[in-house]
C-alpha cells in the first residue's frame, strides 16, 4: 500500500492506498454523470480525490476509504486521485485515522524527469494547503 506522500503522477491504475475523507465539495453534472471533489488525507499528506456517479452520494466526510488500482493524474488541468474505470473504492471504517493536511499532493507542480521523461518529479509547491478546501483558522 502506498502513502499519499509517495504518489507520483502517472497514466496507470496502480495506486493502492487508504485515506480519510476530510471534506467534500458540491456535486456537479459532467455530461450524464455526477462528479464531486473531496479533500482526503492519510498520515503523510493530503490530495484532491475525484468521486464519480454514485460515489458522490455514498461517501461522506469522516469515512475511511480503501482505493485499489486508482490513478493519480491530471484531469482537465487538475491533478487528482481517482478510481478511474479500473479502480475500486470501498468504505472500510470511519473517523478513527491519523492524518495531516499538508503537503497537498494536488498543489505541487510536477515536471517530466530529465533522466526519464516517462516519469515525473516535483518541481515546486504551489501551495502547502488545498486551494479548493482552505484550512479552517
N, C-alpha and C. Protein backbone atom coordinates (compact mmCIF):
# COMPACT_ATOMS: atom_id res chain seq x y z
N UNK A 1 0.84 -1.17 0.00
CA UNK A 1 0.00 0.00 0.00
C UNK A 1 0.89 1.24 0.00
N UNK A 2 0.60 2.19 -0.86
CA UNK A 2 1.41 3.40 -0.98
C UNK A 2 0.79 4.51 -0.12
N UNK A 3 1.64 5.34 0.49
CA UNK A 3 1.14 6.51 1.21
C UNK A 3 0.90 7.62 0.21
N UNK A 4 0.06 8.58 0.57
CA UNK A 4 -0.25 9.67 -0.36
C UNK A 4 0.99 10.49 -0.70
N UNK A 5 1.89 10.66 0.26
CA UNK A 5 3.11 11.46 0.00
C UNK A 5 4.02 10.79 -1.03
N UNK A 6 3.93 9.48 -1.17
CA UNK A 6 4.80 8.76 -2.11
C UNK A 6 4.21 8.61 -3.51
N UNK A 7 3.01 9.17 -3.73
CA UNK A 7 2.40 9.08 -5.07
C UNK A 7 3.11 10.00 -6.05
N UNK A 8 3.16 9.56 -7.29
CA UNK A 8 3.72 10.34 -8.39
C UNK A 8 2.72 10.27 -9.54
N UNK A 9 2.45 11.40 -10.23
CA UNK A 9 1.51 11.34 -11.35
C UNK A 9 1.94 10.33 -12.40
N UNK A 10 0.98 9.57 -12.88
CA UNK A 10 1.24 8.58 -13.93
C UNK A 10 -0.09 8.20 -14.56
N UNK A 11 -0.05 7.82 -15.81
CA UNK A 11 -1.26 7.38 -16.51
C UNK A 11 -1.44 5.88 -16.35
N UNK A 12 -1.37 5.42 -15.11
CA UNK A 12 -1.51 3.99 -14.81
C UNK A 12 -2.40 3.82 -13.60
N UNK A 13 -3.22 2.79 -13.63
CA UNK A 13 -4.06 2.45 -12.48
C UNK A 13 -3.26 1.53 -11.56
N UNK A 14 -2.40 2.11 -10.73
CA UNK A 14 -1.56 1.28 -9.87
C UNK A 14 -1.47 1.79 -8.44
N UNK A 15 -2.37 2.68 -8.03
CA UNK A 15 -2.34 3.24 -6.69
C UNK A 15 -3.25 2.42 -5.77
N UNK A 16 -2.65 1.80 -4.78
CA UNK A 16 -3.39 1.10 -3.73
C UNK A 16 -3.09 1.83 -2.43
N UNK A 17 -4.12 2.42 -1.83
CA UNK A 17 -3.90 3.26 -0.65
C UNK A 17 -5.15 3.31 0.22
N UNK A 18 -5.02 3.96 1.35
CA UNK A 18 -6.15 4.13 2.27
C UNK A 18 -6.09 5.54 2.82
N UNK A 19 -7.24 6.20 2.98
CA UNK A 19 -7.27 7.58 3.43
C UNK A 19 -8.62 7.89 4.07
N UNK A 20 -8.70 9.07 4.69
CA UNK A 20 -9.94 9.55 5.28
C UNK A 20 -10.44 10.75 4.50
N UNK A 21 -11.75 10.84 4.30
CA UNK A 21 -12.34 12.00 3.63
C UNK A 21 -12.49 13.11 4.65
N UNK A 22 -11.85 14.26 4.40
CA UNK A 22 -11.91 15.40 5.31
C UNK A 22 -13.04 16.35 4.95
N UNK A 23 -13.25 16.56 3.66
CA UNK A 23 -14.27 17.50 3.20
C UNK A 23 -14.70 17.07 1.81
N UNK A 24 -15.93 17.40 1.47
CA UNK A 24 -16.44 17.03 0.15
C UNK A 24 -17.12 18.24 -0.46
N UNK A 25 -16.79 18.52 -1.72
CA UNK A 25 -17.37 19.65 -2.42
C UNK A 25 -18.75 19.35 -2.97
N UNK A 26 -19.28 20.33 -3.64
CA UNK A 26 -20.61 20.23 -4.24
C UNK A 26 -20.60 19.25 -5.41
N UNK A 27 -21.68 18.50 -5.56
CA UNK A 27 -21.83 17.58 -6.68
C UNK A 27 -22.27 18.35 -7.91
N UNK A 28 -21.61 18.09 -9.04
CA UNK A 28 -21.96 18.72 -10.31
C UNK A 28 -22.22 17.65 -11.36
N UNK A 29 -22.79 18.06 -12.48
CA UNK A 29 -23.01 17.13 -13.58
C UNK A 29 -21.93 17.31 -14.63
N UNK A 30 -21.39 16.17 -15.08
CA UNK A 30 -20.41 16.14 -16.17
C UNK A 30 -21.01 15.24 -17.24
N UNK A 31 -21.76 15.84 -18.15
CA UNK A 31 -22.49 15.04 -19.12
C UNK A 31 -23.61 14.30 -18.43
N UNK A 32 -23.61 12.98 -18.53
CA UNK A 32 -24.64 12.16 -17.89
C UNK A 32 -24.25 11.71 -16.49
N UNK A 33 -23.06 12.08 -16.02
CA UNK A 33 -22.56 11.57 -14.75
C UNK A 33 -22.41 12.67 -13.71
N UNK A 34 -22.64 12.30 -12.46
CA UNK A 34 -22.38 13.20 -11.34
C UNK A 34 -20.90 13.09 -11.00
N UNK A 35 -20.33 14.19 -10.52
CA UNK A 35 -18.97 14.13 -10.01
C UNK A 35 -18.82 15.15 -8.90
N UNK A 36 -17.91 14.87 -7.99
CA UNK A 36 -17.60 15.82 -6.93
C UNK A 36 -16.15 15.62 -6.50
N UNK A 37 -15.61 16.64 -5.90
CA UNK A 37 -14.22 16.61 -5.46
C UNK A 37 -14.20 16.56 -3.94
N UNK A 38 -13.29 15.78 -3.40
CA UNK A 38 -13.15 15.67 -1.95
C UNK A 38 -11.69 15.92 -1.57
N UNK A 39 -11.50 16.42 -0.37
CA UNK A 39 -10.16 16.53 0.21
C UNK A 39 -9.97 15.31 1.09
N UNK A 40 -8.94 14.53 0.80
CA UNK A 40 -8.67 13.31 1.56
C UNK A 40 -7.23 13.37 2.07
N UNK A 41 -6.95 12.57 3.11
CA UNK A 41 -5.61 12.61 3.69
C UNK A 41 -5.29 11.29 4.39
N UNK A 42 -3.99 11.05 4.54
CA UNK A 42 -3.51 9.97 5.40
C UNK A 42 -2.49 10.59 6.35
N UNK A 43 -1.66 9.78 6.98
CA UNK A 43 -0.71 10.31 7.97
C UNK A 43 0.48 11.01 7.34
N UNK A 44 0.57 11.03 5.99
CA UNK A 44 1.73 11.62 5.33
C UNK A 44 1.42 12.84 4.48
N UNK A 45 0.20 12.95 3.95
CA UNK A 45 -0.13 14.04 3.01
C UNK A 45 -1.64 14.07 2.77
N UNK A 46 -2.06 15.08 2.01
CA UNK A 46 -3.44 15.22 1.57
C UNK A 46 -3.45 15.28 0.05
N UNK A 47 -4.63 15.11 -0.55
CA UNK A 47 -4.76 15.16 -2.01
C UNK A 47 -6.23 15.37 -2.35
N UNK A 48 -6.49 15.90 -3.53
CA UNK A 48 -7.87 16.01 -4.02
C UNK A 48 -8.26 14.67 -4.64
N UNK A 49 -9.43 14.17 -4.25
CA UNK A 49 -9.93 12.88 -4.73
C UNK A 49 -11.23 13.11 -5.48
N UNK A 50 -11.30 12.64 -6.72
CA UNK A 50 -12.49 12.84 -7.54
C UNK A 50 -13.42 11.65 -7.43
N UNK A 51 -14.67 11.93 -7.06
CA UNK A 51 -15.70 10.91 -6.96
C UNK A 51 -16.63 11.03 -8.16
N UNK A 52 -17.08 9.88 -8.69
CA UNK A 52 -17.94 9.85 -9.86
C UNK A 52 -19.22 9.08 -9.57
N UNK A 53 -20.32 9.50 -10.19
CA UNK A 53 -21.58 8.76 -10.12
C UNK A 53 -22.06 8.58 -8.69
N UNK A 54 -22.44 7.34 -8.36
CA UNK A 54 -22.98 7.03 -7.03
C UNK A 54 -21.98 7.25 -5.91
N UNK A 55 -20.69 7.27 -6.23
CA UNK A 55 -19.67 7.52 -5.21
C UNK A 55 -19.93 8.86 -4.51
N UNK A 56 -20.48 9.83 -5.24
CA UNK A 56 -20.75 11.16 -4.66
C UNK A 56 -21.77 11.08 -3.54
N UNK A 57 -22.71 10.16 -3.63
CA UNK A 57 -23.77 10.03 -2.62
C UNK A 57 -23.39 9.07 -1.50
N UNK A 58 -22.55 8.10 -1.80
CA UNK A 58 -22.25 7.02 -0.86
C UNK A 58 -21.25 7.44 0.21
N UNK A 59 -20.26 8.25 -0.14
CA UNK A 59 -19.19 8.59 0.79
C UNK A 59 -19.37 9.98 1.38
N UNK A 60 -19.01 10.12 2.68
CA UNK A 60 -19.14 11.39 3.39
C UNK A 60 -17.86 11.69 4.16
N UNK A 61 -17.76 12.91 4.65
CA UNK A 61 -16.64 13.29 5.50
C UNK A 61 -16.53 12.36 6.69
N UNK A 62 -15.30 11.96 7.02
CA UNK A 62 -15.06 11.05 8.13
C UNK A 62 -14.97 9.60 7.71
N UNK A 63 -15.40 9.28 6.49
CA UNK A 63 -15.30 7.91 6.00
C UNK A 63 -13.85 7.56 5.69
N UNK A 64 -13.44 6.38 6.08
CA UNK A 64 -12.11 5.87 5.75
C UNK A 64 -12.28 4.98 4.53
N UNK A 65 -11.51 5.26 3.50
CA UNK A 65 -11.68 4.64 2.19
C UNK A 65 -10.45 3.85 1.80
N UNK A 66 -10.68 2.68 1.22
CA UNK A 66 -9.61 1.90 0.61
C UNK A 66 -9.74 2.05 -0.90
N UNK A 67 -8.66 2.41 -1.54
CA UNK A 67 -8.62 2.56 -3.00
C UNK A 67 -7.68 1.50 -3.57
N UNK A 68 -8.19 0.73 -4.52
CA UNK A 68 -7.39 -0.30 -5.18
C UNK A 68 -7.34 0.03 -6.67
N UNK A 69 -6.15 0.01 -7.24
CA UNK A 69 -5.92 0.29 -8.66
C UNK A 69 -6.41 1.68 -9.06
N UNK A 70 -6.15 2.66 -8.19
CA UNK A 70 -6.51 4.04 -8.50
C UNK A 70 -5.47 4.69 -9.40
N UNK A 71 -5.78 5.91 -9.82
CA UNK A 71 -4.89 6.64 -10.72
C UNK A 71 -4.70 8.05 -10.18
N UNK A 72 -3.47 8.54 -10.20
CA UNK A 72 -3.12 9.90 -9.77
C UNK A 72 -2.60 10.61 -11.01
N UNK A 73 -3.45 11.43 -11.62
CA UNK A 73 -3.07 12.07 -12.88
C UNK A 73 -3.87 13.35 -13.07
N UNK A 74 -3.53 14.06 -14.15
CA UNK A 74 -4.23 15.29 -14.49
C UNK A 74 -5.55 14.98 -15.15
N UNK A 75 -6.59 15.68 -14.70
CA UNK A 75 -7.90 15.58 -15.30
C UNK A 75 -8.41 17.00 -15.48
N UNK A 76 -8.45 17.46 -16.71
CA UNK A 76 -8.83 18.84 -17.03
C UNK A 76 -7.97 19.85 -16.26
N UNK A 77 -6.67 19.68 -16.33
CA UNK A 77 -5.65 20.56 -15.74
C UNK A 77 -5.58 20.50 -14.22
N UNK A 78 -6.35 19.61 -13.60
CA UNK A 78 -6.29 19.45 -12.15
C UNK A 78 -5.69 18.09 -11.82
N UNK A 79 -4.74 18.09 -10.91
CA UNK A 79 -4.10 16.84 -10.51
C UNK A 79 -4.95 16.21 -9.40
N UNK A 80 -5.55 15.06 -9.70
CA UNK A 80 -6.45 14.42 -8.76
C UNK A 80 -6.16 12.92 -8.67
N UNK A 81 -6.50 12.38 -7.52
CA UNK A 81 -6.51 10.94 -7.33
C UNK A 81 -7.94 10.49 -7.59
N UNK A 82 -8.10 9.36 -8.27
CA UNK A 82 -9.45 8.85 -8.55
C UNK A 82 -9.39 7.36 -8.81
N UNK A 83 -10.54 6.73 -8.76
CA UNK A 83 -10.60 5.29 -9.03
C UNK A 83 -10.43 5.03 -10.51
N UNK A 84 -10.95 5.89 -11.36
CA UNK A 84 -10.91 5.65 -12.79
C UNK A 84 -11.82 4.47 -13.15
N UNK A 85 -11.72 4.00 -14.36
CA UNK A 85 -12.58 2.91 -14.82
C UNK A 85 -12.17 1.56 -14.24
N UNK A 86 -10.90 1.40 -13.91
CA UNK A 86 -10.40 0.10 -13.46
C UNK A 86 -10.29 -0.02 -11.94
N UNK A 87 -10.35 1.09 -11.22
CA UNK A 87 -10.14 1.07 -9.78
C UNK A 87 -11.41 0.77 -8.99
N UNK A 88 -11.21 0.52 -7.70
CA UNK A 88 -12.31 0.25 -6.79
C UNK A 88 -12.14 1.06 -5.52
N UNK A 89 -13.24 1.63 -5.03
CA UNK A 89 -13.24 2.33 -3.75
C UNK A 89 -14.21 1.63 -2.82
N UNK A 90 -13.81 1.54 -1.55
CA UNK A 90 -14.64 0.85 -0.57
C UNK A 90 -14.47 1.52 0.79
N UNK A 91 -15.58 1.73 1.48
CA UNK A 91 -15.52 2.26 2.84
C UNK A 91 -15.09 1.14 3.76
N UNK A 92 -14.03 1.42 4.57
CA UNK A 92 -13.51 0.39 5.47
C UNK A 92 -13.59 0.82 6.94
N UNK A 93 -14.09 2.02 7.20
CA UNK A 93 -14.22 2.50 8.57
C UNK A 93 -14.67 3.94 8.58
N UNK A 94 -14.66 4.53 9.78
CA UNK A 94 -14.99 5.95 9.86
C UNK A 94 -14.37 6.59 11.09
N UNK A 95 -13.93 7.83 10.91
CA UNK A 95 -13.48 8.75 11.94
C UNK A 95 -12.18 8.43 12.67
N UNK A 96 -11.69 7.22 12.69
CA UNK A 96 -10.52 6.88 13.52
C UNK A 96 -9.27 6.68 12.67
N UNK A 97 -8.69 7.77 12.19
CA UNK A 97 -7.48 7.67 11.39
C UNK A 97 -6.65 8.94 11.57
N UNK A 98 -5.38 8.78 11.85
CA UNK A 98 -4.48 9.93 11.95
C UNK A 98 -4.25 10.49 10.55
N UNK A 99 -4.16 11.82 10.44
CA UNK A 99 -3.95 12.43 9.13
C UNK A 99 -3.25 13.78 9.28
N UNK A 100 -2.70 14.24 8.16
CA UNK A 100 -2.14 15.60 8.05
C UNK A 100 -2.77 16.26 6.83
N UNK A 101 -2.82 17.59 6.83
CA UNK A 101 -3.40 18.30 5.69
C UNK A 101 -2.34 18.91 4.77
N UNK A 102 -1.09 18.80 5.15
CA UNK A 102 -0.01 19.33 4.33
C UNK A 102 1.15 18.34 4.33
N UNK A 103 1.82 18.13 3.24
CA UNK A 103 1.62 18.77 1.94
C UNK A 103 0.37 18.24 1.23
N UNK A 104 -0.15 19.06 0.33
CA UNK A 104 -1.25 18.61 -0.52
C UNK A 104 -0.64 18.25 -1.86
N UNK A 105 -0.70 16.97 -2.20
CA UNK A 105 -0.04 16.47 -3.41
C UNK A 105 -0.65 17.04 -4.69
N UNK A 106 -1.91 17.52 -4.62
CA UNK A 106 -2.55 18.14 -5.79
C UNK A 106 -2.06 19.57 -6.01
N UNK A 107 -1.40 20.14 -5.01
CA UNK A 107 -0.92 21.53 -5.09
C UNK A 107 0.59 21.59 -5.30
N UNK A 108 1.13 20.56 -5.92
CA UNK A 108 2.55 20.52 -6.27
C UNK A 108 2.66 20.52 -7.79
N UNK A 109 3.58 21.33 -8.30
CA UNK A 109 3.82 21.34 -9.75
C UNK A 109 4.82 20.23 -10.06
N UNK A 110 4.46 19.38 -10.99
CA UNK A 110 5.30 18.24 -11.39
C UNK A 110 5.81 18.48 -12.80
N UNK A 111 7.04 18.05 -13.07
CA UNK A 111 7.62 18.17 -14.40
C UNK A 111 8.20 16.81 -14.80
N UNK A 112 8.34 16.58 -16.09
CA UNK A 112 8.97 15.32 -16.51
C UNK A 112 10.39 15.21 -15.97
N UNK A 113 10.74 14.03 -15.53
CA UNK A 113 12.09 13.75 -15.03
C UNK A 113 13.08 13.90 -16.19
N UNK A 114 14.12 14.75 -16.04
CA UNK A 114 15.08 14.93 -17.13
C UNK A 114 15.80 13.63 -17.51
N UNK A 115 15.91 12.71 -16.57
CA UNK A 115 16.59 11.44 -16.84
C UNK A 115 15.66 10.36 -17.39
N UNK A 116 14.34 10.55 -17.21
CA UNK A 116 13.36 9.59 -17.69
C UNK A 116 12.05 10.33 -17.96
N UNK A 117 11.81 10.79 -19.19
CA UNK A 117 10.63 11.60 -19.49
C UNK A 117 9.30 10.89 -19.28
N UNK A 118 9.31 9.59 -19.01
CA UNK A 118 8.07 8.87 -18.73
C UNK A 118 7.66 8.99 -17.26
N UNK A 119 8.54 9.58 -16.43
CA UNK A 119 8.26 9.77 -15.01
C UNK A 119 8.23 11.25 -14.69
N UNK A 120 7.58 11.58 -13.57
CA UNK A 120 7.50 12.96 -13.11
C UNK A 120 8.27 13.14 -11.80
N UNK A 121 8.77 14.36 -11.60
CA UNK A 121 9.43 14.74 -10.35
C UNK A 121 8.82 16.07 -9.88
N UNK A 122 8.89 16.30 -8.58
CA UNK A 122 8.35 17.54 -8.04
C UNK A 122 9.22 18.71 -8.48
N UNK A 123 8.55 19.78 -8.94
CA UNK A 123 9.25 20.99 -9.37
C UNK A 123 9.11 22.09 -8.32
N UNK A 124 7.87 22.33 -7.88
CA UNK A 124 7.63 23.41 -6.93
C UNK A 124 6.32 23.16 -6.19
N UNK A 125 6.23 23.75 -5.01
CA UNK A 125 4.99 23.68 -4.24
C UNK A 125 4.16 24.91 -4.60
N UNK A 126 2.98 24.67 -5.15
CA UNK A 126 2.07 25.78 -5.50
C UNK A 126 1.49 26.35 -4.21
N UNK A 127 1.04 25.48 -3.32
CA UNK A 127 0.51 25.86 -2.02
C UNK A 127 0.65 24.66 -1.09
N UNK A 128 1.05 24.88 0.17
CA UNK A 128 1.17 23.74 1.08
C UNK A 128 -0.20 23.14 1.43
N UNK A 129 -1.25 23.97 1.35
CA UNK A 129 -2.61 23.52 1.66
C UNK A 129 -3.45 23.53 0.39
N UNK A 130 -4.59 22.89 0.45
CA UNK A 130 -5.53 22.88 -0.67
C UNK A 130 -6.03 24.29 -0.97
N UNK A 131 -6.00 24.69 -2.22
CA UNK A 131 -6.57 25.97 -2.62
C UNK A 131 -8.08 25.85 -2.81
N UNK A 132 -8.58 24.63 -2.98
CA UNK A 132 -10.01 24.40 -3.16
C UNK A 132 -10.71 24.27 -1.79
N UNK A 133 -10.05 23.62 -0.85
CA UNK A 133 -10.58 23.43 0.51
C UNK A 133 -9.63 24.11 1.49
N UNK A 134 -9.75 25.44 1.68
CA UNK A 134 -8.80 26.13 2.55
C UNK A 134 -8.92 25.66 3.99
N UNK A 135 -7.79 25.68 4.74
CA UNK A 135 -7.84 25.23 6.14
C UNK A 135 -8.68 26.16 7.00
N UNK A 136 -9.28 25.62 8.01
CA UNK A 136 -10.06 26.42 8.95
C UNK A 136 -9.08 27.05 9.95
N UNK A 137 -9.17 28.39 10.13
CA UNK A 137 -8.21 29.06 11.04
C UNK A 137 -8.37 28.62 12.47
